[in-house]
Amino acid sequence: MKETNSEKLVSLPVAEVDDSCRRAKIFAALADPTRLKIVELLANAGELSGTEIAQSLGISLALFCHHSKTLSEAGLLDIRKEGQTKYNSLNWELLNACLQSLMRGASVSDQ
């Protein structure tokens, strides 16, 4: 029988694939410099309105809304509405879980 250099692909359980896809979506959302600045700003400030975030970063409210949608779809933003104003804060639980899973993966691959 002839040997080949191809590797056997191992299927991941569905839960792991879903988790990997979710983490990929989160890291993709964080890959944009403006979205990363929004996350850093909220990490320091706690909770801010869209107007406050846009003014702090020197961007238009429309541009903030565009980036906010991406961060929200990834699950990174918690949004609270008070009257006409929407207040944004980080979903620390999800962000921490994602970073911890990355660290676990890094430590496993380092061995």
PDB file of N, CA and C in Angstrom:
ATOM      1  N   MET A   1       0.834  -1.180   0.000  1.00  0.00           N
ATOM      2  CA  MET A   1       0.000   0.000   0.000  1.00  0.00           C
ATOM      3  C   MET A   1       0.883   1.250   0.000  1.00  0.00           C
ATOM      4  N   LYS A   2       0.557   2.192  -0.813  1.00  0.00           N
ATOM      5  CA  LYS A   2       1.343   3.411  -0.944  1.00  0.00           C
ATOM      6  C   LYS A   2       0.988   4.403   0.159  1.00  0.00           C
ATOM      7  N   GLU A   3       2.033   4.944   0.827  1.00  0.00           N
ATOM      8  CA  GLU A   3       1.817   5.953   1.873  1.00  0.00           C
ATOM      9  C   GLU A   3       1.725   7.330   1.241  1.00  0.00           C
ATOM     10  N   THR A   4       0.892   8.152   1.824  1.00  0.00           N
ATOM     11  CA  THR A   4       0.794   9.530   1.345  1.00  0.00           C
ATOM     12  C   THR A   4       1.126  10.472   2.486  1.00  0.00           C
ATOM     13  N   ASN A   5       1.420  11.693   2.148  1.00  0.00           N
ATOM     14  CA  ASN A   5       1.733  12.706   3.149  1.00  0.00           C
ATOM     15  C   ASN A   5       0.498  13.465   3.621  1.00  0.00           C
ATOM     16  N   SER A   6      -0.677  13.061   3.168  1.00  0.00           N
ATOM     17  CA  SER A   6      -1.883  13.783   3.572  1.00  0.00           C
ATOM     18  C   SER A   6      -2.235  13.452   5.015  1.00  0.00           C
ATOM     19  N   GLU A   7      -2.805  14.431   5.683  1.00  0.00           N
ATOM     20  CA  GLU A   7      -3.216  14.255   7.070  1.00  0.00           C
ATOM     21  C   GLU A   7      -4.690  13.915   7.110  1.00  0.00           C
ATOM     22  N   LYS A   8      -5.045  13.086   8.071  1.00  0.00           N
ATOM     23  CA  LYS A   8      -6.442  12.750   8.258  1.00  0.00           C
ATOM     24  C   LYS A   8      -7.115  13.917   8.975  1.00  0.00           C
ATOM     25  N   LEU A   9      -8.223  14.383   8.432  1.00  0.00           N
ATOM     26  CA  LEU A   9      -8.962  15.467   9.058  1.00  0.00           C
ATOM     27  C   LEU A   9      -9.914  14.887  10.090  1.00  0.00           C
ATOM     28  N   VAL A  10      -9.908  15.476  11.255  1.00  0.00           N
ATOM     29  CA  VAL A  10     -10.775  15.028  12.335  1.00  0.00           C
ATOM     30  C   VAL A  10     -11.946  15.987  12.429  1.00  0.00           C
ATOM     31  N   SER A  11     -13.137  15.450  12.443  1.00  0.00           N
ATOM     32  CA  SER A  11     -14.323  16.294  12.579  1.00  0.00           C
ATOM     33  C   SER A  11     -14.476  16.737  14.019  1.00  0.00           C
ATOM     34  N   LEU A  12     -14.802  17.990  14.187  1.00  0.00           N
ATOM     35  CA  LEU A  12     -15.055  18.522  15.522  1.00  0.00           C
ATOM     36  C   LEU A  12     -16.518  18.331  15.872  1.00  0.00           C
ATOM     37  N   PRO A  13     -16.813  18.123  17.151  1.00  0.00           N
ATOM     38  CA  PRO A  13     -18.217  18.091  17.553  1.00  0.00           C
ATOM     39  C   PRO A  13     -18.891  19.408  17.179  1.00  0.00           C
ATOM     40  N   VAL A  14     -20.190  19.344  16.917  1.00  0.00           N
ATOM     41  CA  VAL A  14     -20.934  20.528  16.484  1.00  0.00           C
ATOM     42  C   VAL A  14     -20.768  21.684  17.454  1.00  0.00           C
ATOM     43  N   ALA A  15     -20.800  21.417  18.759  1.00  0.00           N
ATOM     44  CA  ALA A  15     -20.678  22.488  19.757  1.00  0.00           C
ATOM     45  C   ALA A  15     -19.351  23.220  19.602  1.00  0.00           C
ATOM     46  N   GLU A  16     -18.265  22.483  19.350  1.00  0.00           N
ATOM     47  CA  GLU A  16     -16.962  23.122  19.201  1.00  0.00           C
ATOM     48  C   GLU A  16     -16.899  23.963  17.929  1.00  0.00           C
ATOM     49  N   VAL A  17     -17.507  23.477  16.857  1.00  0.00           N
ATOM     50  CA  VAL A  17     -17.528  24.243  15.615  1.00  0.00           C
ATOM     51  C   VAL A  17     -18.304  25.533  15.841  1.00  0.00           C
ATOM     52  N   ASP A  18     -19.466  25.433  16.485  1.00  0.00           N
ATOM     53  CA  ASP A  18     -20.266  26.622  16.767  1.00  0.00           C
ATOM     54  C   ASP A  18     -19.486  27.602  17.626  1.00  0.00           C
ATOM     55  N   ASP A  19     -18.800  27.104  18.648  1.00  0.00           N
ATOM     56  CA  ASP A  19     -18.009  27.978  19.513  1.00  0.00           C
ATOM     57  C   ASP A  19     -16.889  28.646  18.721  1.00  0.00           C
ATOM     58  N   SER A  20     -16.245  27.905  17.848  1.00  0.00           N
ATOM     59  CA  SER A  20     -15.174  28.475  17.026  1.00  0.00           C
ATOM     60  C   SER A  20     -15.723  29.549  16.097  1.00  0.00           C
ATOM     61  N   CYS A  21     -16.867  29.296  15.517  1.00  0.00           N
ATOM     62  CA  CYS A  21     -17.489  30.294  14.631  1.00  0.00           C
ATOM     63  C   CYS A  21     -17.863  31.544  15.411  1.00  0.00           C
ATOM     64  N   ARG A  22     -18.361  31.350  16.615  1.00  0.00           N
ATOM     65  CA  ARG A  22     -18.744  32.506  17.448  1.00  0.00           C
ATOM     66  C   ARG A  22     -17.506  33.317  17.816  1.00  0.00           C
ATOM     67  N   ARG A  23     -16.432  32.621  18.217  1.00  0.00           N
ATOM     68  CA  ARG A  23     -15.196  33.335  18.566  1.00  0.00           C
ATOM     69  C   ARG A  23     -14.635  34.063  17.348  1.00  0.00           C
ATOM     70  N   ALA A  24     -14.711  33.432  16.186  1.00  0.00           N
ATOM     71  CA  ALA A  24     -14.218  34.074  14.963  1.00  0.00           C
ATOM     72  C   ALA A  24     -14.999  35.353  14.670  1.00  0.00           C
ATOM     73  N   LYS A  25     -16.303  35.321  14.892  1.00  0.00           N
ATOM     74  CA  LYS A  25     -17.128  36.515  14.669  1.00  0.00           C
ATOM     75  C   LYS A  25     -16.740  37.625  15.648  1.00  0.00           C
ATOM     76  N   ILE A  26     -16.463  37.257  16.886  1.00  0.00           N
ATOM     77  CA  ILE A  26     -16.061  38.236  17.899  1.00  0.00           C
ATOM     78  C   ILE A  26     -14.720  38.859  17.527  1.00  0.00           C
ATOM     79  N   PHE A  27     -13.745  38.029  17.179  1.00  0.00           N
ATOM     80  CA  PHE A  27     -12.425  38.560  16.837  1.00  0.00           C
ATOM     81  C   PHE A  27     -12.468  39.360  15.533  1.00  0.00           C
ATOM     82  N   ALA A  28     -13.333  38.978  14.605  1.00  0.00           N
ATOM     83  CA  ALA A  28     -13.490  39.765  13.376  1.00  0.00           C
ATOM     84  C   ALA A  28     -14.040  41.154  13.704  1.00  0.00           C
ATOM     85  N   ALA A  29     -14.974  41.205  14.646  1.00  0.00           N
ATOM     86  CA  ALA A  29     -15.528  42.505  15.058  1.00  0.00           C
ATOM     87  C   ALA A  29     -14.454  43.366  15.706  1.00  0.00           C
ATOM     88  N   LEU A  30     -13.551  42.752  16.431  1.00  0.00           N
ATOM     89  CA  LEU A  30     -12.490  43.493  17.116  1.00  0.00           C
ATOM     90  C   LEU A  30     -11.329  43.861  16.191  1.00  0.00           C
ATOM     91  N   ALA A  31     -11.314  43.304  14.986  1.00  0.00           N
ATOM     92  CA  ALA A  31     -10.189  43.524  14.070  1.00  0.00           C
ATOM     93  C   ALA A  31     -10.187  44.914  13.434  1.00  0.00           C
ATOM     94  N   ASP A  32     -11.300  45.615  13.505  1.00  0.00           N
ATOM     95  CA  ASP A  32     -11.373  46.960  12.936  1.00  0.00           C
ATOM     96  C   ASP A  32     -10.867  47.974  13.957  1.00  0.00           C
ATOM     97  N   PRO A  33      -9.973  48.885  13.570  1.00  0.00           N
ATOM     98  CA  PRO A  33      -9.412  49.850  14.527  1.00  0.00           C
ATOM     99  C   PRO A  33     -10.462  50.717  15.232  1.00  0.00           C
ATOM    100  N   THR A  34     -11.482  51.151  14.510  1.00  0.00           N
ATOM    101  CA  THR A  34     -12.511  51.986  15.140  1.00  0.00           C
ATOM    102  C   THR A  34     -13.314  51.185  16.156  1.00  0.00           C
ATOM    103  N   ARG A  35     -13.667  49.956  15.805  1.00  0.00           N
ATOM    104  CA  ARG A  35     -14.426  49.124  16.754  1.00  0.00           C
ATOM    105  C   ARG A  35     -13.575  48.790  17.974  1.00  0.00           C
ATOM    106  N   LEU A  36     -12.292  48.568  17.757  1.00  0.00           N
ATOM    107  CA  LEU A  36     -11.407  48.304  18.888  1.00  0.00           C
ATOM    108  C   LEU A  36     -11.337  49.526  19.805  1.00  0.00           C
ATOM    109  N   LYS A  37     -11.295  50.719  19.223  1.00  0.00           N
ATOM    110  CA  LYS A  37     -11.294  51.948  20.032  1.00  0.00           C
ATOM    111  C   LYS A  37     -12.598  52.085  20.821  1.00  0.00           C
ATOM    112  N   ILE A  38     -13.717  51.701  20.213  1.00  0.00           N
ATOM    113  CA  ILE A  38     -15.000  51.741  20.919  1.00  0.00           C
ATOM    114  C   ILE A  38     -14.963  50.814  22.124  1.00  0.00           C
ATOM    115  N   VAL A  39     -14.444  49.614  21.933  1.00  0.00           N
ATOM    116  CA  VAL A  39     -14.350  48.644  23.030  1.00  0.00           C
ATOM    117  C   VAL A  39     -13.425  49.171  24.124  1.00  0.00           C
ATOM    118  N   GLU A  40     -12.286  49.729  23.734  1.00  0.00           N
ATOM    119  CA  GLU A  40     -11.350  50.281  24.724  1.00  0.00           C
ATOM    120  C   GLU A  40     -11.976  51.444  25.489  1.00  0.00           C
ATOM    121  N   LEU A  41     -12.706  52.292  24.787  1.00  0.00           N
ATOM    122  CA  LEU A  41     -13.371  53.426  25.427  1.00  0.00           C
ATOM    123  C   LEU A  41     -14.404  52.939  26.441  1.00  0.00           C
ATOM    124  N   LEU A  42     -15.210  51.961  26.050  1.00  0.00           N
ATOM    125  CA  LEU A  42     -16.220  51.427  26.964  1.00  0.00           C
ATOM    126  C   LEU A  42     -15.587  50.657  28.122  1.00  0.00           C
ATOM    127  N   ALA A  43     -14.441  50.043  27.883  1.00  0.00           N
ATOM    128  CA  ALA A  43     -13.744  49.338  28.963  1.00  0.00           C
ATOM    129  C   ALA A  43     -13.332  50.314  30.054  1.00  0.00           C
ATOM    130  N   ASN A  44     -12.976  51.525  29.659  1.00  0.00           N
ATOM    131  CA  ASN A  44     -12.563  52.545  30.628  1.00  0.00           C
ATOM    132  C   ASN A  44     -13.739  53.321  31.210  1.00  0.00           C
ATOM    133  N   ALA A  45     -14.740  53.608  30.385  1.00  0.00           N
ATOM    134  CA  ALA A  45     -15.839  54.480  30.814  1.00  0.00           C
ATOM    135  C   ALA A  45     -17.005  53.727  31.444  1.00  0.00           C
ATOM    136  N   GLY A  46     -17.177  52.481  31.085  1.00  0.00           N
ATOM    137  CA  GLY A  46     -18.302  51.717  31.610  1.00  0.00           C
ATOM    138  C   GLY A  46     -19.500  51.762  30.686  1.00  0.00           C
ATOM    139  N   GLU A  47     -20.202  52.877  30.660  1.00  0.00           N
ATOM    140  CA  GLU A  47     -21.404  53.007  29.837  1.00  0.00           C
ATOM    141  C   GLU A  47     -21.448  54.403  29.226  1.00  0.00           C
ATOM    142  N   LEU A  48     -21.684  54.458  27.916  1.00  0.00           N
ATOM    143  CA  LEU A  48     -21.753  55.740  27.207  1.00  0.00           C
ATOM    144  C   LEU A  48     -22.850  55.684  26.149  1.00  0.00           C
ATOM    145  N   SER A  49     -23.398  56.847  25.849  1.00  0.00           N
ATOM    146  CA  SER A  49     -24.359  56.930  24.746  1.00  0.00           C
ATOM    147  C   SER A  49     -23.594  56.907  23.426  1.00  0.00           C
ATOM    148  N   GLY A  50     -24.308  56.634  22.348  1.00  0.00           N
ATOM    149  CA  GLY A  50     -23.690  56.650  21.031  1.00  0.00           C
ATOM    150  C   GLY A  50     -23.103  58.006  20.695  1.00  0.00           C
ATOM    151  N   THR A  51     -23.812  59.062  21.089  1.00  0.00           N
ATOM    152  CA  THR A  51     -23.323  60.422  20.846  1.00  0.00           C
ATOM    153  C   THR A  51     -22.018  60.673  21.591  1.00  0.00           C
ATOM    154  N   GLU A  52     -21.948  60.235  22.841  1.00  0.00           N
ATOM    155  CA  GLU A  52     -20.721  60.415  23.636  1.00  0.00           C
ATOM    156  C   GLU A  52     -19.550  59.655  23.021  1.00  0.00           C
ATOM    157  N   ILE A  53     -19.824  58.451  22.549  1.00  0.00           N
ATOM    158  CA  ILE A  53     -18.764  57.644  21.931  1.00  0.00           C
ATOM    159  C   ILE A  53     -18.291  58.304  20.638  1.00  0.00           C
ATOM    160  N   ALA A  54     -19.240  58.708  19.794  1.00  0.00           N
ATOM    161  CA  ALA A  54     -18.887  59.351  18.521  1.00  0.00           C
ATOM    162  C   ALA A  54     -18.061  60.610  18.758  1.00  0.00           C
ATOM    163  N   GLN A  55     -18.468  61.430  19.719  1.00  0.00           N
ATOM    164  CA  GLN A  55     -17.722  62.661  20.015  1.00  0.00           C
ATOM    165  C   GLN A  55     -16.332  62.345  20.553  1.00  0.00           C
ATOM    166  N   SER A  56     -16.235  61.365  21.433  1.00  0.00           N
ATOM    167  CA  SER A  56     -14.928  60.999  22.007  1.00  0.00           C
ATOM    168  C   SER A  56     -13.951  60.517  20.946  1.00  0.00           C
ATOM    169  N   LEU A  57     -14.469  59.811  19.939  1.00  0.00           N
ATOM    170  CA  LEU A  57     -13.604  59.253  18.900  1.00  0.00           C
ATOM    171  C   LEU A  57     -13.474  60.161  17.682  1.00  0.00           C
ATOM    172  N   GLY A  58     -14.243  61.251  17.655  1.00  0.00           N
ATOM    173  CA  GLY A  58     -14.177  62.159  16.515  1.00  0.00           C
ATOM    174  C   GLY A  58     -14.753  61.564  15.244  1.00  0.00           C
ATOM    175  N   ILE A  59     -15.816  60.763  15.384  1.00  0.00           N
ATOM    176  CA  ILE A  59     -16.479  60.163  14.225  1.00  0.00           C
ATOM    177  C   ILE A  59     -17.941  60.608  14.213  1.00  0.00           C
ATOM    178  N   SER A  60     -18.603  60.399  13.098  1.00  0.00           N
ATOM    179  CA  SER A  60     -20.019  60.761  13.015  1.00  0.00           C
ATOM    180  C   SER A  60     -20.856  59.734  13.777  1.00  0.00           C
ATOM    181  N   LEU A  61     -22.041  60.149  14.177  1.00  0.00           N
ATOM    182  CA  LEU A  61     -22.953  59.235  14.859  1.00  0.00           C
ATOM    183  C   LEU A  61     -23.352  58.095  13.925  1.00  0.00           C
ATOM    184  N   ALA A  62     -23.504  58.400  12.632  1.00  0.00           N
ATOM    185  CA  ALA A  62     -23.846  57.361  11.652  1.00  0.00           C
ATOM    186  C   ALA A  62     -22.751  56.296  11.571  1.00  0.00           C
ATOM    187  N   LEU A  63     -21.497  56.726  11.592  1.00  0.00           N
ATOM    188  CA  LEU A  63     -20.390  55.764  11.556  1.00  0.00           C
ATOM    189  C   LEU A  63     -20.355  54.942  12.838  1.00  0.00           C
ATOM    190  N   PHE A  64     -20.597  55.597  13.977  1.00  0.00           N
ATOM    191  CA  PHE A  64     -20.666  54.836  15.225  1.00  0.00           C
ATOM    192  C   PHE A  64     -21.767  53.782  15.141  1.00  0.00           C
ATOM    193  N   CYS A  65     -22.946  54.157  14.632  1.00  0.00           N
ATOM    194  CA  CYS A  65     -24.067  53.213  14.533  1.00  0.00           C
ATOM    195  C   CYS A  65     -23.698  52.009  13.669  1.00  0.00           C
ATOM    196  N   HIS A  66     -22.967  52.251  12.592  1.00  0.00           N
ATOM    197  CA  HIS A  66     -22.498  51.164  11.726  1.00  0.00           C
ATOM    198  C   HIS A  66     -21.617  50.196  12.522  1.00  0.00           C
ATOM    199  N   HIS A  67     -20.655  50.728  13.245  1.00  0.00           N
ATOM    200  CA  HIS A  67     -19.751  49.883  14.026  1.00  0.00           C
ATOM    201  C   HIS A  67     -20.467  49.244  15.214  1.00  0.00           C
ATOM    202  N   SER A  68     -21.388  49.969  15.803  1.00  0.00           N
ATOM    203  CA  SER A  68     -22.164  49.449  16.926  1.00  0.00           C
ATOM    204  C   SER A  68     -22.960  48.211  16.515  1.00  0.00           C
ATOM    205  N   LYS A  69     -23.502  48.239  15.317  1.00  0.00           N
ATOM    206  CA  LYS A  69     -24.275  47.094  14.820  1.00  0.00           C
ATOM    207  C   LYS A  69     -23.396  45.849  14.738  1.00  0.00           C
ATOM    208  N   THR A  70     -22.198  45.999  14.220  1.00  0.00           N
ATOM    209  CA  THR A  70     -21.273  44.865  14.106  1.00  0.00           C
ATOM    210  C   THR A  70     -20.901  44.329  15.484  1.00  0.00           C
ATOM    211  N   LEU A  71     -20.595  45.229  16.417  1.00  0.00           N
ATOM    212  CA  LEU A  71     -20.244  44.807  17.776  1.00  0.00           C
ATOM    213  C   LEU A  71     -21.428  44.141  18.469  1.00  0.00           C
ATOM    214  N   SER A  72     -22.624  44.658  18.244  1.00  0.00           N
ATOM    215  CA  SER A  72     -23.831  44.082  18.843  1.00  0.00           C
ATOM    216  C   SER A  72     -24.117  42.697  18.282  1.00  0.00           C
ATOM    217  N   GLU A  73     -23.976  42.545  16.963  1.00  0.00           N
ATOM    218  CA  GLU A  73     -24.219  41.248  16.329  1.00  0.00           C
ATOM    219  C   GLU A  73     -23.233  40.196  16.815  1.00  0.00           C
ATOM    220  N   ALA A  74     -22.033  40.623  17.174  1.00  0.00           N
ATOM    221  CA  ALA A  74     -21.038  39.701  17.730  1.00  0.00           C
ATOM    222  C   ALA A  74     -21.319  39.410  19.203  1.00  0.00           C
ATOM    223  N   GLY A  75     -22.222  40.178  19.801  1.00  0.00           N
ATOM    224  CA  GLY A  75     -22.576  39.973  21.203  1.00  0.00           C
ATOM    225  C   GLY A  75     -21.736  40.764  22.181  1.00  0.00           C
ATOM    226  N   LEU A  76     -20.895  41.662  21.672  1.00  0.00           N
ATOM    227  CA  LEU A  76     -19.960  42.380  22.536  1.00  0.00           C
ATOM    228  C   LEU A  76     -20.550  43.591  23.244  1.00  0.00           C
ATOM    229  N   LEU A  77     -21.671  44.107  22.749  1.00  0.00           N
ATOM    230  CA  LEU A  77     -22.273  45.286  23.366  1.00  0.00           C
ATOM    231  C   LEU A  77     -23.583  44.937  24.052  1.00  0.00           C
ATOM    232  N   ASP A  78     -23.772  45.508  25.216  1.00  0.00           N
ATOM    233  CA  ASP A  78     -25.071  45.511  25.875  1.00  0.00           C
ATOM    234  C   ASP A  78     -25.633  46.906  25.659  1.00  0.00           C
ATOM    235  N   ILE A  79     -26.878  46.994  25.231  1.00  0.00           N
ATOM    236  CA  ILE A  79     -27.484  48.289  24.947  1.00  0.00           C
ATOM    237  C   ILE A  79     -28.722  48.467  25.818  1.00  0.00           C
ATOM    238  N   ARG A  80     -28.747  49.600  26.494  1.00  0.00           N
ATOM    239  CA  ARG A  80     -29.865  49.953  27.377  1.00  0.00           C
ATOM    240  C   ARG A  80     -30.475  51.232  26.839  1.00  0.00           C
ATOM    241  N   LYS A  81     -31.797  51.224  26.695  1.00  0.00           N
ATOM    242  CA  LYS A  81     -32.475  52.413  26.170  1.00  0.00           C
ATOM    243  C   LYS A  81     -33.149  53.156  27.314  1.00  0.00           C
ATOM    244  N   GLU A  82     -32.903  54.455  27.352  1.00  0.00           N
ATOM    245  CA  GLU A  82     -33.530  55.331  28.341  1.00  0.00           C
ATOM    246  C   GLU A  82     -34.118  56.510  27.572  1.00  0.00           C
ATOM    247  N   GLY A  83     -35.439  56.547  27.449  1.00  0.00           N
ATOM    248  CA  GLY A  83     -36.069  57.562  26.605  1.00  0.00           C
ATOM    249  C   GLY A  83     -35.656  57.339  25.166  1.00  0.00           C
ATOM    250  N   GLN A  84     -35.115  58.363  24.538  1.00  0.00           N
ATOM    251  CA  GLN A  84     -34.651  58.262  23.153  1.00  0.00           C
ATOM    252  C   GLN A  84     -33.174  57.878  23.058  1.00  0.00           C
ATOM    253  N   THR A  85     -32.498  57.821  24.203  1.00  0.00           N
ATOM    254  CA  THR A  85     -31.053  57.597  24.210  1.00  0.00           C
ATOM    255  C   THR A  85     -30.731  56.130  24.462  1.00  0.00           C
ATOM    256  N   LYS A  86     -29.800  55.605  23.665  1.00  0.00           N
ATOM    257  CA  LYS A  86     -29.305  54.239  23.861  1.00  0.00           C
ATOM    258  C   LYS A  86     -27.929  54.321  24.499  1.00  0.00           C
ATOM    259  N   TYR A  87     -27.768  53.594  25.599  1.00  0.00           N
ATOM    260  CA  TYR A  87     -26.491  53.550  26.306  1.00  0.00           C
ATOM    261  C   TYR A  87     -25.817  52.211  26.028  1.00  0.00           C
ATOM    262  N   ASN A  88     -24.542  52.282  25.727  1.00  0.00           N
ATOM    263  CA  ASN A  88     -23.751  51.112  25.357  1.00  0.00           C
ATOM    264  C   ASN A  88     -22.776  50.760  26.465  1.00  0.00           C
ATOM    265  N   SER A  89     -22.644  49.465  26.711  1.00  0.00           N
ATOM    266  CA  SER A  89     -21.624  48.969  27.632  1.00  0.00           C
ATOM    267  C   SER A  89     -21.127  47.638  27.082  1.00  0.00           C
ATOM    268  N   LEU A  90     -19.991  47.202  27.592  1.00  0.00           N
ATOM    269  CA  LEU A  90     -19.408  45.945  27.121  1.00  0.00           C
ATOM    270  C   LEU A  90     -20.090  44.750  27.759  1.00  0.00           C
ATOM    271  N   ASN A  91     -20.197  43.685  26.996  1.00  0.00           N
ATOM    272  CA  ASN A  91     -20.642  42.402  27.523  1.00  0.00           C
ATOM    273  C   ASN A  91     -19.376  41.706  28.037  1.00  0.00           C
ATOM    274  N   TRP A  92     -19.012  42.053  29.266  1.00  0.00           N
ATOM    275  CA  TRP A  92     -17.764  41.549  29.852  1.00  0.00           C
ATOM    276  C   TRP A  92     -17.738  40.035  29.946  1.00  0.00           C
ATOM    277  N   GLU A  93     -18.875  39.425  30.237  1.00  0.00           N
ATOM    278  CA  GLU A  93     -18.927  37.971  30.378  1.00  0.00           C
ATOM    279  C   GLU A  93     -18.503  37.289  29.078  1.00  0.00           C
ATOM    280  N   LEU A  94     -19.053  37.739  27.965  1.00  0.00           N
ATOM    281  CA  LEU A  94     -18.700  37.152  26.671  1.00  0.00           C
ATOM    282  C   LEU A  94     -17.253  37.456  26.295  1.00  0.00           C
ATOM    283  N   LEU A  95     -16.829  38.693  26.495  1.00  0.00           N
ATOM    284  CA  LEU A  95     -15.462  39.080  26.148  1.00  0.00           C
ATOM    285  C   LEU A  95     -14.447  38.277  26.960  1.00  0.00           C
ATOM    286  N   ASN A  96     -14.676  38.149  28.252  1.00  0.00           N
ATOM    287  CA  ASN A  96     -13.772  37.366  29.100  1.00  0.00           C
ATOM    288  C   ASN A  96     -13.763  35.895  28.708  1.00  0.00           C
ATOM    289  N   ALA A  97     -14.937  35.329  28.434  1.00  0.00           N
ATOM    290  CA  ALA A  97     -15.005  33.920  28.036  1.00  0.00           C
ATOM    291  C   ALA A  97     -14.250  33.685  26.735  1.00  0.00           C
ATOM    292  N   CYS A  98     -14.371  34.608  25.806  1.00  0.00           N
ATOM    293  CA  CYS A  98     -13.686  34.483  24.520  1.00  0.00           C
ATOM    294  C   CYS A  98     -12.171  34.568  24.694  1.00  0.00           C
ATOM    295  N   LEU A  99     -11.729  35.515  25.489  1.00  0.00           N
ATOM    296  CA  LEU A  99     -10.288  35.662  25.731  1.00  0.00           C
ATOM    297  C   LEU A  99      -9.726  34.469  26.495  1.00  0.00           C
ATOM    298  N   GLN A 100     -10.485  33.945  27.448  1.00  0.00           N
ATOM    299  CA  GLN A 100     -10.030  32.767  28.190  1.00  0.00           C
ATOM    300  C   GLN A 100      -9.923  31.557  27.274  1.00  0.00           C
ATOM    301  N   SER A 101     -10.874  31.399  26.353  1.00  0.00           N
ATOM    302  CA  SER A 101     -10.802  30.268  25.429  1.00  0.00           C
ATOM    303  C   SER A 101      -9.592  30.405  24.512  1.00  0.00           C
ATOM    304  N   LEU A 102      -9.260  31.628  24.142  1.00  0.00           N
ATOM    305  CA  LEU A 102      -8.072  31.869  23.324  1.00  0.00           C
ATOM    306  C   LEU A 102      -6.814  31.491  24.097  1.00  0.00           C
ATOM    307  N   MET A 103      -6.763  31.872  25.363  1.00  0.00           N
ATOM    308  CA  MET A 103      -5.597  31.557  26.189  1.00  0.00           C
ATOM    309  C   MET A 103      -5.466  30.048  26.399  1.00  0.00           C
ATOM    310  N   ARG A 104      -6.578  29.358  26.590  1.00  0.00           N
ATOM    311  CA  ARG A 104      -6.531  27.897  26.736  1.00  0.00           C
ATOM    312  C   ARG A 104      -6.000  27.269  25.462  1.00  0.00           C
ATOM    313  N   GLY A 105      -6.456  27.757  24.322  1.00  0.00           N
ATOM    314  CA  GLY A 105      -5.988  27.234  23.039  1.00  0.00           C
ATOM    315  C   GLY A 105      -4.515  27.504  22.830  1.00  0.00           C
ATOM    316  N   ALA A 106      -4.062  28.685  23.223  1.00  0.00           N
ATOM    317  CA  ALA A 106      -2.651  29.040  23.071  1.00  0.00           C
ATOM    318  C   ALA A 106      -1.786  28.166  23.956  1.00  0.00           C
ATOM    319  N   SER A 107      -2.226  27.900  25.175  1.00  0.00           N
ATOM    320  CA  SER A 107      -1.411  27.088  26.078  1.00  0.00           C
ATOM    321  C   SER A 107      -1.371  25.636  25.620  1.00  0.00           C
ATOM    322  N   VAL A 108      -2.436  25.143  25.007  1.00  0.00           N
ATOM    323  CA  VAL A 108      -2.448  23.776  24.498  1.00  0.00           C
ATOM    324  C   VAL A 108      -1.511  23.659  23.304  1.00  0.00           C
ATOM    325  N   SER A 109      -1.519  24.638  22.406  1.00  0.00           N
ATOM    326  CA  SER A 109      -0.675  24.557  21.213  1.00  0.00           C
ATOM    327  C   SER A 109       0.797  24.805  21.526  1.00  0.00           C
ATOM    328  N   ASP A 110       1.094  25.423  22.667  1.00  0.00           N
ATOM    329  CA  ASP A 110       2.482  25.673  23.053  1.00  0.00           C
ATOM    330  C   ASP A 110       3.183  24.413  23.558  1.00  0.00           C
ATOM    331  N   GLN A 111       2.422  23.413  23.929  1.00  0.00           N
ATOM    332  CA  GLN A 111       3.022  22.214  24.530  1.00  0.00           C
ATOM    333  C   GLN A 111       3.612  21.289  23.507  1.00  0.00           C
TER     334      GLN A 111
END
